[in-house]
């Protein structure tokens, strides 16, 4: 179902005209209302009148997450406080979160974008949507909730956690759509199997998964276990929240960007120059309709690519690839760049491994070493007689080493653990664990 054919199937020339009009309005808004952008524009020698074509966007300054922290809590807002109706925030490593705000119009736009996203993924009015994203300052839960209601779905605000209750509600409420992080929904499926139930026999047809990078192999695992089509949703609080881009269930080939509300760029994170379509780089977004918290050329830290080919679903929007990883999660192992999602690709090609893993970064003198912790299935654990020297056990370990060497071009120490040893997450999975030197000396 195409919820807004006037926007989702718009001709390119008409869309670019709309984008330029909205970009000019947004640039004027931030220049007049946000001192940070006034200073940033002046330092770049640009003015709102500089923007006469879409290509002029590249003349404007970037915005980084540190800018939000430096102006905590409301220094980058472009709307007066009496116009705000909601605040969201993401956690910050320094103790202070990054805070974003919304006017009533922002909430309405966001709700429509998420409604369009759910429709892109296969949801329809009258369906039941099981929302296992966390509610609160995190934008995931409320973002999907408002969009689901906007579409006319019956929304179950179960939030994250309490996995046994999740299963009960799925069985009793019979939802067609489930939303959550892929790692947590996989945990739900595994718990069902532990209870002797087949996750593929539920009413579920579609899954909307995001908030963490995940691989094609993880998609296959989720689809086979749950008997669904699994789609990727993209968003981040600094830009809006979930619904910035959504993968269609017809093609499952790239995420349709809501490009009537955002302009996306891909840049080289080192040179800050644009890269050609199809090449990976850092994803950058400029908001076009946000009132309370518009951002200009926001550097997301996510690694992705863009493509403009027609999609068989009929939508004309630019598509972004699934996020390959984050710049700050990228590991450099003996000079080779490796993302956790690439490790996940390899693990899910090895029968006998559960799709839960962690990469431990451990100080080793002047360098760091990487340990990959993986978990074997109950079947392998029992067949190997719980003995790590058993040939089956060692054969599986050698296969993982070979897959990573062939696909990622690196070697790393592999530590294998019994079933249920690696921590499960009720939200975003923790894939990279960095140890401090003092921890290792205790």
Protein backbone atom coordinates (compact mmCIF):
# COMPACT_ATOMS: atom_id res chain seq x y z
CA UNK A 1 0.00 0.00 0.00
CA UNK A 2 1.33 3.45 -0.96
CA UNK A 3 -0.08 5.78 1.68
CA UNK A 4 0.89 9.08 -0.01
CA UNK A 5 1.34 8.50 -3.77
CA UNK A 6 1.54 12.28 -4.30
CA UNK A 7 4.77 12.29 -2.28
CA UNK A 8 6.13 8.77 -2.57
CA UNK A 9 5.76 8.56 -6.36
CA UNK A 10 6.60 12.19 -7.16
CA UNK A 11 8.57 12.92 -10.35
CA UNK A 12 12.20 13.82 -9.68
CA UNK A 13 11.99 17.37 -11.06
CA UNK A 14 8.95 18.15 -8.93
CA UNK A 15 10.58 16.61 -5.85
CA UNK A 16 13.77 18.62 -6.26
CA UNK A 17 11.71 21.80 -6.55
CA UNK A 18 9.94 20.93 -3.28
CA UNK A 19 13.23 20.08 -1.59
CA UNK A 20 14.81 23.39 -2.62
CA UNK A 21 11.85 25.41 -1.34
CA UNK A 22 11.93 23.61 1.99
CA UNK A 23 15.72 23.78 2.25
CA UNK A 24 15.65 27.54 1.75
CA UNK A 25 12.99 27.89 4.45
CA UNK A 26 14.97 25.72 6.87
CA UNK A 27 18.25 27.55 6.28
CA UNK A 28 16.51 30.86 6.88
CA UNK A 29 14.90 29.48 10.05
CA UNK A 30 18.13 28.27 11.65
CA UNK A 31 20.05 31.40 10.67
CA UNK A 32 17.45 33.64 12.28
CA UNK A 33 16.82 31.56 15.42
CA UNK A 34 19.93 29.53 16.31
CA UNK A 35 23.11 31.44 17.25
CA UNK A 36 25.22 28.33 16.63
CA UNK A 37 24.19 28.30 12.97
CA UNK A 38 24.62 32.06 12.62
CA UNK A 39 28.24 31.66 13.73
CA UNK A 40 28.81 28.52 11.66
CA UNK A 41 27.44 30.17 8.50
CA UNK A 42 29.54 33.27 9.02
CA UNK A 43 32.69 31.20 9.54
CA UNK A 44 31.99 29.44 6.21
CA UNK A 45 31.24 32.76 4.53
CA UNK A 46 27.69 31.73 3.60
CA UNK A 47 24.25 33.25 4.11
CA UNK A 48 20.70 31.91 3.58
CA UNK A 49 20.71 33.68 0.22
CA UNK A 50 23.64 31.44 -0.77
CA UNK A 51 21.22 28.55 -1.30
CA UNK A 52 19.84 29.03 -4.80
CA UNK A 53 20.10 25.39 -5.92
CA UNK A 54 20.22 22.00 -4.19
CA UNK A 55 23.94 21.69 -4.94
CA UNK A 56 24.50 24.79 -2.78
CA UNK A 57 23.82 22.56 0.24
CA UNK A 58 27.46 21.46 0.02
CA UNK A 59 28.55 25.02 0.80
CA UNK A 60 26.89 24.87 4.22
CA UNK A 61 28.63 23.75 7.44
CA UNK A 62 28.27 20.32 9.00
CA UNK A 63 26.63 19.63 12.36
CA UNK A 64 28.08 16.98 14.69
CA UNK A 65 26.78 15.21 17.78
CA UNK A 66 29.34 17.09 19.87
CA UNK A 67 27.62 20.34 18.83
CA UNK A 68 24.45 19.08 20.52
CA UNK A 69 26.36 18.25 23.68
CA UNK A 70 28.15 21.60 23.65
CA UNK A 71 24.79 23.39 23.53
CA UNK A 72 22.96 21.17 26.02
CA UNK A 73 20.07 21.22 26.59
CA UNK A 74 18.21 23.69 24.34
CA UNK A 75 20.91 25.77 22.61
CA UNK A 76 20.19 24.43 19.10
CA UNK A 77 16.41 24.80 19.24
CA UNK A 78 14.82 26.98 16.57
CA UNK A 79 11.40 27.28 18.25
CA UNK A 80 10.29 29.10 21.38
CA UNK A 81 9.60 26.94 24.43
CA UNK A 82 5.87 27.67 24.33
CA UNK A 83 5.72 26.02 20.90
CA UNK A 84 7.27 22.74 22.10
CA UNK A 85 5.10 19.73 22.94
CA UNK A 86 7.73 17.03 23.54
CA UNK A 87 11.39 16.39 24.32
CA UNK A 88 13.35 13.24 23.53
CA UNK A 89 16.95 12.45 24.37
CA UNK A 90 19.60 9.86 23.67
CA UNK A 91 22.16 8.70 26.20
CA UNK A 92 25.52 10.43 26.33
CA UNK A 93 28.88 8.95 27.23
CA UNK A 94 29.80 12.09 29.18
CA UNK A 95 26.70 11.83 31.35
CA UNK A 96 24.73 14.44 29.43
CA UNK A 97 22.30 13.25 26.76
CA UNK A 98 21.68 14.82 23.38
CA UNK A 99 18.29 16.54 23.60
CA UNK A 100 15.86 17.14 20.75
CA UNK A 101 12.48 18.87 20.68
CA UNK A 102 9.24 18.71 18.72
CA UNK A 103 6.40 21.09 18.01
CA UNK A 104 2.87 19.83 17.34
CA UNK A 105 3.55 20.07 13.61
CA UNK A 106 6.78 18.08 14.04
CA UNK A 107 4.88 15.31 15.82
CA UNK A 108 2.26 15.28 13.06
CA UNK A 109 4.93 15.06 10.34
CA UNK A 110 6.80 12.35 12.24
CA UNK A 111 3.64 10.31 12.78
CA UNK A 112 2.83 10.44 9.07
CA UNK A 113 6.38 9.42 8.14
CA UNK A 114 6.19 6.39 10.43
CA UNK A 115 2.70 5.55 9.14
CA UNK A 116 4.13 5.60 5.61
CA UNK A 117 7.03 3.45 6.82
CA UNK A 118 4.75 0.82 8.34
CA UNK A 119 2.69 0.76 5.13
CA UNK A 120 5.89 0.37 3.09
CA UNK A 121 6.73 -2.65 5.26
CA UNK A 122 3.34 -4.28 4.65
CA UNK A 123 1.20 -3.01 7.53
CA UNK A 124 -2.40 -2.01 6.84
CA UNK A 125 -5.22 -0.24 8.71
CA UNK A 126 -6.99 -2.66 11.02
CA UNK A 127 -3.91 -4.87 11.51
CA UNK A 128 -2.46 -5.39 14.97
CA UNK A 129 1.07 -4.06 15.59
CA UNK A 130 3.15 -5.50 18.46
CA UNK A 131 5.58 -2.73 19.46
CA UNK A 132 8.55 -4.18 21.37
CA UNK A 133 10.67 -1.02 21.10
CA UNK A 134 11.41 0.69 24.40
CA UNK A 135 9.22 3.62 25.41
CA UNK A 136 10.54 6.74 27.13
CA UNK A 137 13.22 9.23 26.09
CA UNK A 138 14.32 6.79 23.36
CA UNK A 139 12.42 7.70 20.18
CA UNK A 140 11.76 4.12 19.05
CA UNK A 141 8.72 3.18 21.10
CA UNK A 142 6.69 6.37 20.82
CA UNK A 143 7.76 6.91 17.21
CA UNK A 144 6.35 3.57 16.06
CA UNK A 145 3.35 3.97 18.37
CA UNK A 146 2.15 7.28 16.92
CA UNK A 147 2.80 6.12 13.37
CA UNK A 148 0.88 2.89 13.90
CA UNK A 149 -2.12 4.77 15.26
CA UNK A 150 -1.87 7.30 12.41
CA UNK A 151 -2.10 4.42 9.93
CA UNK A 152 -5.17 3.09 11.73
CA UNK A 153 -3.62 -0.02 13.24
CA UNK A 154 -4.44 -1.61 16.58
CA UNK A 155 -1.29 -0.78 18.54
CA UNK A 156 0.03 -2.94 21.39
CA UNK A 157 2.49 -0.80 23.42
CA UNK A 158 4.24 -3.74 25.09
CA UNK A 159 7.71 -2.04 25.08
CA UNK A 160 10.86 -4.08 25.67
CA UNK A 161 11.56 -6.76 28.22
CA UNK A 162 9.45 -9.40 30.01
CA UNK A 163 9.91 -11.86 27.16
CA UNK A 164 7.37 -14.38 28.43
CA UNK A 165 4.68 -11.69 28.43
CA UNK A 166 5.70 -10.75 24.88
CA UNK A 167 5.03 -14.32 23.81
CA UNK A 168 1.67 -14.42 25.61
CA UNK A 169 0.50 -11.24 23.87
CA UNK A 170 1.69 -12.41 20.46
CA UNK A 171 -0.27 -15.63 20.91
CA UNK A 172 -3.42 -13.97 22.27
CA UNK A 173 -3.60 -10.66 20.35
CA UNK A 174 -2.49 -12.23 17.05
CA UNK A 175 -0.54 -9.28 15.57
CA UNK A 176 0.42 -9.15 11.90
CA UNK A 177 3.40 -6.81 12.48
CA UNK A 178 6.13 -6.89 15.12
CA UNK A 179 8.59 -4.03 15.78
CA UNK A 180 11.79 -4.12 17.81
CA UNK A 181 15.54 -4.49 17.65
CA UNK A 182 16.47 -7.57 15.61
CA UNK A 183 18.54 -9.00 18.46
CA UNK A 184 15.65 -8.76 20.93
CA UNK A 185 13.02 -10.18 18.58
CA UNK A 186 15.42 -13.07 17.96
CA UNK A 187 15.52 -13.54 21.74
CA UNK A 188 11.71 -13.74 21.76
CA UNK A 189 11.83 -16.42 19.06
CA UNK A 190 14.46 -18.40 20.97
CA UNK A 191 12.39 -18.24 24.16
CA UNK A 192 9.40 -19.60 22.25
CA UNK A 193 11.53 -22.51 21.06
CA UNK A 194 12.65 -23.18 24.63
CA UNK A 195 8.98 -23.42 25.55
CA UNK A 196 8.47 -26.04 22.86
CA UNK A 197 6.65 -23.65 20.53
CA UNK A 198 7.28 -22.95 16.85
CA UNK A 199 7.74 -19.16 16.32
CA UNK A 200 6.81 -19.60 12.65
CA UNK A 201 3.29 -20.69 13.60
CA UNK A 202 2.18 -17.32 15.01
CA UNK A 203 0.02 -14.75 13.20
CA UNK A 204 3.04 -12.57 12.40
CA UNK A 205 3.64 -11.67 8.75
CA UNK A 206 6.00 -8.67 8.82
CA UNK A 207 8.83 -7.49 11.06
CA UNK A 208 10.11 -3.89 11.33
CA UNK A 209 13.58 -4.00 12.81
CA UNK A 210 16.12 -1.25 13.54
CA UNK A 211 18.09 0.71 16.15
CA UNK A 212 21.18 -1.46 15.54
CA UNK A 213 23.11 -2.60 12.45
CA UNK A 214 22.09 -6.09 11.29
CA UNK A 215 23.10 -8.30 8.41
CA UNK A 216 21.38 -10.11 5.55
CA UNK A 217 22.16 -13.36 7.33
CA UNK A 218 20.32 -12.07 10.41
CA UNK A 219 17.38 -11.21 8.14
CA UNK A 220 17.34 -14.80 6.84
CA UNK A 221 17.49 -16.17 10.39
CA UNK A 222 14.59 -13.98 11.58
CA UNK A 223 12.50 -14.77 8.53
CA UNK A 224 13.02 -18.52 8.82
CA UNK A 225 12.45 -18.66 12.58
CA UNK A 226 9.36 -16.42 12.62
CA UNK A 227 7.93 -17.14 9.18
CA UNK A 228 7.84 -13.42 8.31
CA UNK A 229 9.28 -10.84 5.95
CA UNK A 230 11.87 -8.79 7.87
CA UNK A 231 12.39 -5.13 6.92
CA UNK A 232 14.88 -2.54 8.08
CA UNK A 233 13.79 0.86 9.45
CA UNK A 234 16.22 3.75 9.92
CA UNK A 235 16.11 6.85 12.05
CA UNK A 236 17.94 8.70 14.76
CA UNK A 237 16.69 11.16 17.34
CA UNK A 238 18.94 14.00 16.17
CA UNK A 239 17.25 13.97 12.77
CA UNK A 240 13.71 12.93 13.80
CA UNK A 241 13.48 9.37 15.10
CA UNK A 242 12.46 6.13 13.36
CA UNK A 243 10.85 6.62 9.96
CA UNK A 244 13.58 8.62 8.24
CA UNK A 245 13.89 5.66 5.84
CA UNK A 246 12.15 2.30 5.43
CA UNK A 247 12.71 -0.86 3.41
CA UNK A 248 9.77 -2.01 1.29
CA UNK A 249 8.44 -5.54 1.61
CA UNK A 250 8.15 -5.91 -2.18
CA UNK A 251 11.87 -5.54 -2.94
CA UNK A 252 13.71 -5.58 0.41
CA UNK A 253 16.47 -3.81 -1.49
CA UNK A 254 17.44 -0.56 0.20
CA UNK A 255 15.51 1.81 2.45
CA UNK A 256 13.27 4.47 0.89
CA UNK A 257 14.27 7.85 2.33
CA UNK A 258 11.42 10.24 3.17
CA UNK A 259 13.06 12.73 0.84
CA UNK A 260 10.19 15.18 0.98
CA UNK A 261 11.36 15.74 4.59
CA UNK A 262 15.12 15.09 4.37
CA UNK A 263 18.08 15.42 2.03
CA UNK A 264 20.65 12.66 2.36
CA UNK A 265 24.33 12.81 1.41
CA UNK A 266 27.21 10.33 1.65
CA UNK A 267 30.61 11.81 2.40
CA UNK A 268 34.13 10.52 2.91
CA UNK A 269 34.53 10.88 6.71
CA UNK A 270 38.18 11.86 6.28
CA UNK A 271 38.01 14.40 3.44
CA UNK A 272 34.34 15.40 4.07
CA UNK A 273 33.83 15.35 0.30
CA UNK A 274 30.82 13.65 -1.35
CA UNK A 275 31.28 10.13 -2.69
CA UNK A 276 29.52 8.68 -5.78
CA UNK A 277 26.25 6.79 -5.50
CA UNK A 278 26.86 3.15 -4.63
CA UNK A 279 30.01 3.81 -2.62
CA UNK A 280 30.04 3.56 1.16
CA UNK A 281 30.74 6.56 3.34
CA UNK A 282 29.28 8.53 6.25
CA UNK A 283 25.57 9.25 6.06
CA UNK A 284 24.63 12.94 6.39
CA UNK A 285 21.10 14.33 6.75
CA UNK A 286 19.57 17.80 6.44
CA UNK A 287 16.02 18.19 7.72
CA UNK A 288 13.57 20.11 5.54
CA UNK A 289 10.40 20.42 7.63
CA UNK A 290 11.47 20.24 11.28
CA UNK A 291 10.39 23.29 13.29
CA UNK A 292 11.78 22.78 16.80
CA UNK A 293 15.09 21.15 15.98
CA UNK A 294 16.15 21.42 12.34
CA UNK A 295 19.65 20.18 11.51
CA UNK A 296 21.93 21.19 8.67
CA UNK A 297 24.20 18.49 7.24
CA UNK A 298 24.14 16.35 10.37
CA UNK A 299 26.93 13.78 10.40
CA UNK A 300 25.27 10.61 11.65
CA UNK A 301 28.39 8.48 12.10
CA UNK A 302 26.60 5.67 10.23
CA UNK A 303 28.23 4.00 7.24
CA UNK A 304 25.93 3.48 4.23
CA UNK A 305 25.52 4.18 0.51
CA UNK A 306 22.82 5.70 -1.73
CA UNK A 307 21.20 4.59 -4.97
CA UNK A 308 18.62 6.16 -7.26
CA UNK A 309 17.46 3.25 -9.43
CA UNK A 310 13.70 2.68 -9.77
CA UNK A 311 12.18 0.26 -7.26
CA UNK A 312 9.62 -2.36 -8.19
CA UNK A 313 7.30 -1.08 -5.44
CA UNK A 314 6.71 2.06 -7.56
CA UNK A 315 8.19 4.63 -5.16
CA UNK A 316 10.60 7.16 -6.65
CA UNK A 317 12.50 8.08 -3.48
CA UNK A 318 16.26 7.76 -3.17
CA UNK A 319 17.21 4.60 -1.29
CA UNK A 320 19.96 4.09 1.25
CA UNK A 321 21.66 0.79 1.92
CA UNK A 322 21.31 -0.95 5.24
CA UNK A 323 23.73 0.61 7.71
CA UNK A 324 27.01 -1.28 7.50
CA UNK A 325 28.13 -0.05 10.91
CA UNK A 326 29.16 3.04 12.80
CA UNK A 327 32.44 4.86 12.42
CA UNK A 328 33.09 4.53 16.14
CA UNK A 329 32.33 0.77 16.06
CA UNK A 330 34.69 0.10 13.18
CA UNK A 331 37.61 -2.06 14.23
CA UNK A 332 41.04 -1.75 12.66
CA UNK A 333 42.65 -5.16 12.90
CA UNK A 334 46.22 -5.17 11.61
CA UNK A 335 45.36 -2.39 9.18
CA UNK A 336 42.08 -3.89 7.94
CA UNK A 337 38.76 -2.12 8.61
CA UNK A 338 36.13 -4.52 9.97
CA UNK A 339 32.56 -3.82 11.10
CA UNK A 340 30.67 -6.04 13.57
CA UNK A 341 27.97 -6.65 10.95
CA UNK A 342 30.62 -8.27 8.70
CA UNK A 343 31.53 -10.65 11.53
CA UNK A 344 27.84 -11.41 11.96
CA UNK A 345 27.64 -12.30 8.26
CA UNK A 346 30.32 -14.93 8.76
CA UNK A 347 28.89 -16.41 11.96
CA UNK A 348 25.46 -16.93 10.48
CA UNK A 349 27.01 -18.97 7.68
CA UNK A 350 28.28 -21.49 10.24
CA UNK A 351 25.67 -24.06 11.29
CA UNK A 352 25.85 -24.71 15.00
CA UNK A 353 26.35 -21.10 16.08
CA UNK A 354 23.67 -19.02 17.80
CA UNK A 355 23.29 -15.45 16.34
CA UNK A 356 24.57 -13.82 19.53
CA UNK A 357 28.19 -12.74 19.74
CA UNK A 358 30.51 -10.10 21.20
CA UNK A 359 33.83 -8.65 20.08
CA UNK A 360 36.07 -7.97 23.06
CA UNK A 361 38.80 -5.37 22.56
CA UNK A 362 41.55 -6.11 25.08
CA UNK A 363 44.71 -4.06 25.79
CA UNK A 364 47.83 -6.09 24.94
CA UNK A 365 50.95 -4.11 25.66
CA UNK A 366 51.12 -1.19 23.24
CA UNK A 367 48.45 -2.74 21.03
CA UNK A 368 44.98 -4.19 21.33
CA UNK A 369 43.87 -7.72 20.59
CA UNK A 370 40.42 -8.78 19.49
CA UNK A 371 38.62 -11.79 20.91
CA UNK A 372 35.43 -13.01 19.27
CA UNK A 373 33.09 -14.65 21.76
CA UNK A 374 30.53 -16.93 20.12
CA UNK A 375 27.87 -19.26 21.47
CA UNK A 376 27.14 -22.75 20.19
CA UNK A 377 23.71 -24.29 19.81
CA UNK A 378 22.33 -26.77 22.29
CA UNK A 379 22.56 -29.48 19.62
CA UNK A 380 26.30 -28.99 19.09
CA UNK A 381 26.87 -28.67 22.84
CA UNK A 382 25.25 -32.03 23.51
CA UNK A 383 26.78 -33.81 20.49
CA UNK A 384 30.27 -32.68 21.53
CA UNK A 385 29.59 -34.12 25.00
CA UNK A 386 30.22 -30.65 26.50
CA UNK A 387 33.93 -31.12 25.75
CA UNK A 388 35.75 -28.22 24.06
CA UNK A 389 38.40 -30.68 22.77
CA UNK A 390 35.77 -32.75 20.94
CA UNK A 391 36.40 -32.94 17.15
CA UNK A 392 32.95 -31.46 16.33
CA UNK A 393 33.70 -28.51 18.54
CA UNK A 394 37.13 -27.90 17.04
CA UNK A 395 35.84 -28.35 13.48
CA UNK A 396 33.23 -25.64 14.02
CA UNK A 397 35.83 -23.29 15.48
CA UNK A 398 38.10 -23.84 12.47
CA UNK A 399 35.20 -23.14 10.12
CA UNK A 400 34.52 -19.78 11.81
CA UNK A 401 38.19 -18.83 11.61
CA UNK A 402 38.22 -19.72 7.90
CA UNK A 403 35.01 -17.77 7.14
CA UNK A 404 36.33 -14.64 8.85
CA UNK A 405 39.71 -14.96 7.15
CA UNK A 406 38.15 -15.39 3.70
CA UNK A 407 35.44 -12.72 4.03
CA UNK A 408 36.99 -10.11 6.33
CA UNK A 409 40.68 -10.77 5.55
CA UNK A 410 41.65 -10.87 9.23
CA UNK A 411 42.39 -13.42 11.91
CA UNK A 412 41.30 -13.18 15.52
CA UNK A 413 41.12 -15.36 18.59
CA UNK A 414 37.83 -17.25 18.85
CA UNK A 415 36.38 -18.23 22.22
CA UNK A 416 33.38 -20.54 22.13
CA UNK A 417 30.82 -20.73 24.92
CA UNK A 418 27.93 -23.03 25.89
CA UNK A 419 24.31 -22.08 25.09
CA UNK A 420 22.90 -18.98 26.85
CA UNK A 421 26.35 -17.73 27.94
CA UNK A 422 26.44 -14.45 25.99
CA UNK A 423 24.24 -11.70 27.49
CA UNK A 424 20.92 -11.06 25.74
CA UNK A 425 19.67 -7.54 25.25
CA UNK A 426 16.12 -6.22 25.65
CA UNK A 427 17.08 -3.21 23.52
CA UNK A 428 20.16 -2.53 21.43
CA UNK A 429 22.60 -5.42 21.43
CA UNK A 430 26.10 -4.74 22.79
CA UNK A 431 28.36 -6.15 20.09
CA UNK A 432 31.68 -4.44 20.95
CA UNK A 433 33.06 -4.56 24.49
CA UNK A 434 36.14 -2.45 25.12
CA UNK A 435 38.22 -3.37 28.16
CA UNK A 436 40.44 -0.92 30.02
CA UNK A 437 43.99 -1.79 30.92
CA UNK A 438 43.27 -1.57 34.65
CA UNK A 439 40.46 -4.13 34.27
CA UNK A 440 42.91 -6.65 32.88
CA UNK A 441 45.36 -6.08 35.75
CA UNK A 442 42.85 -6.91 38.49
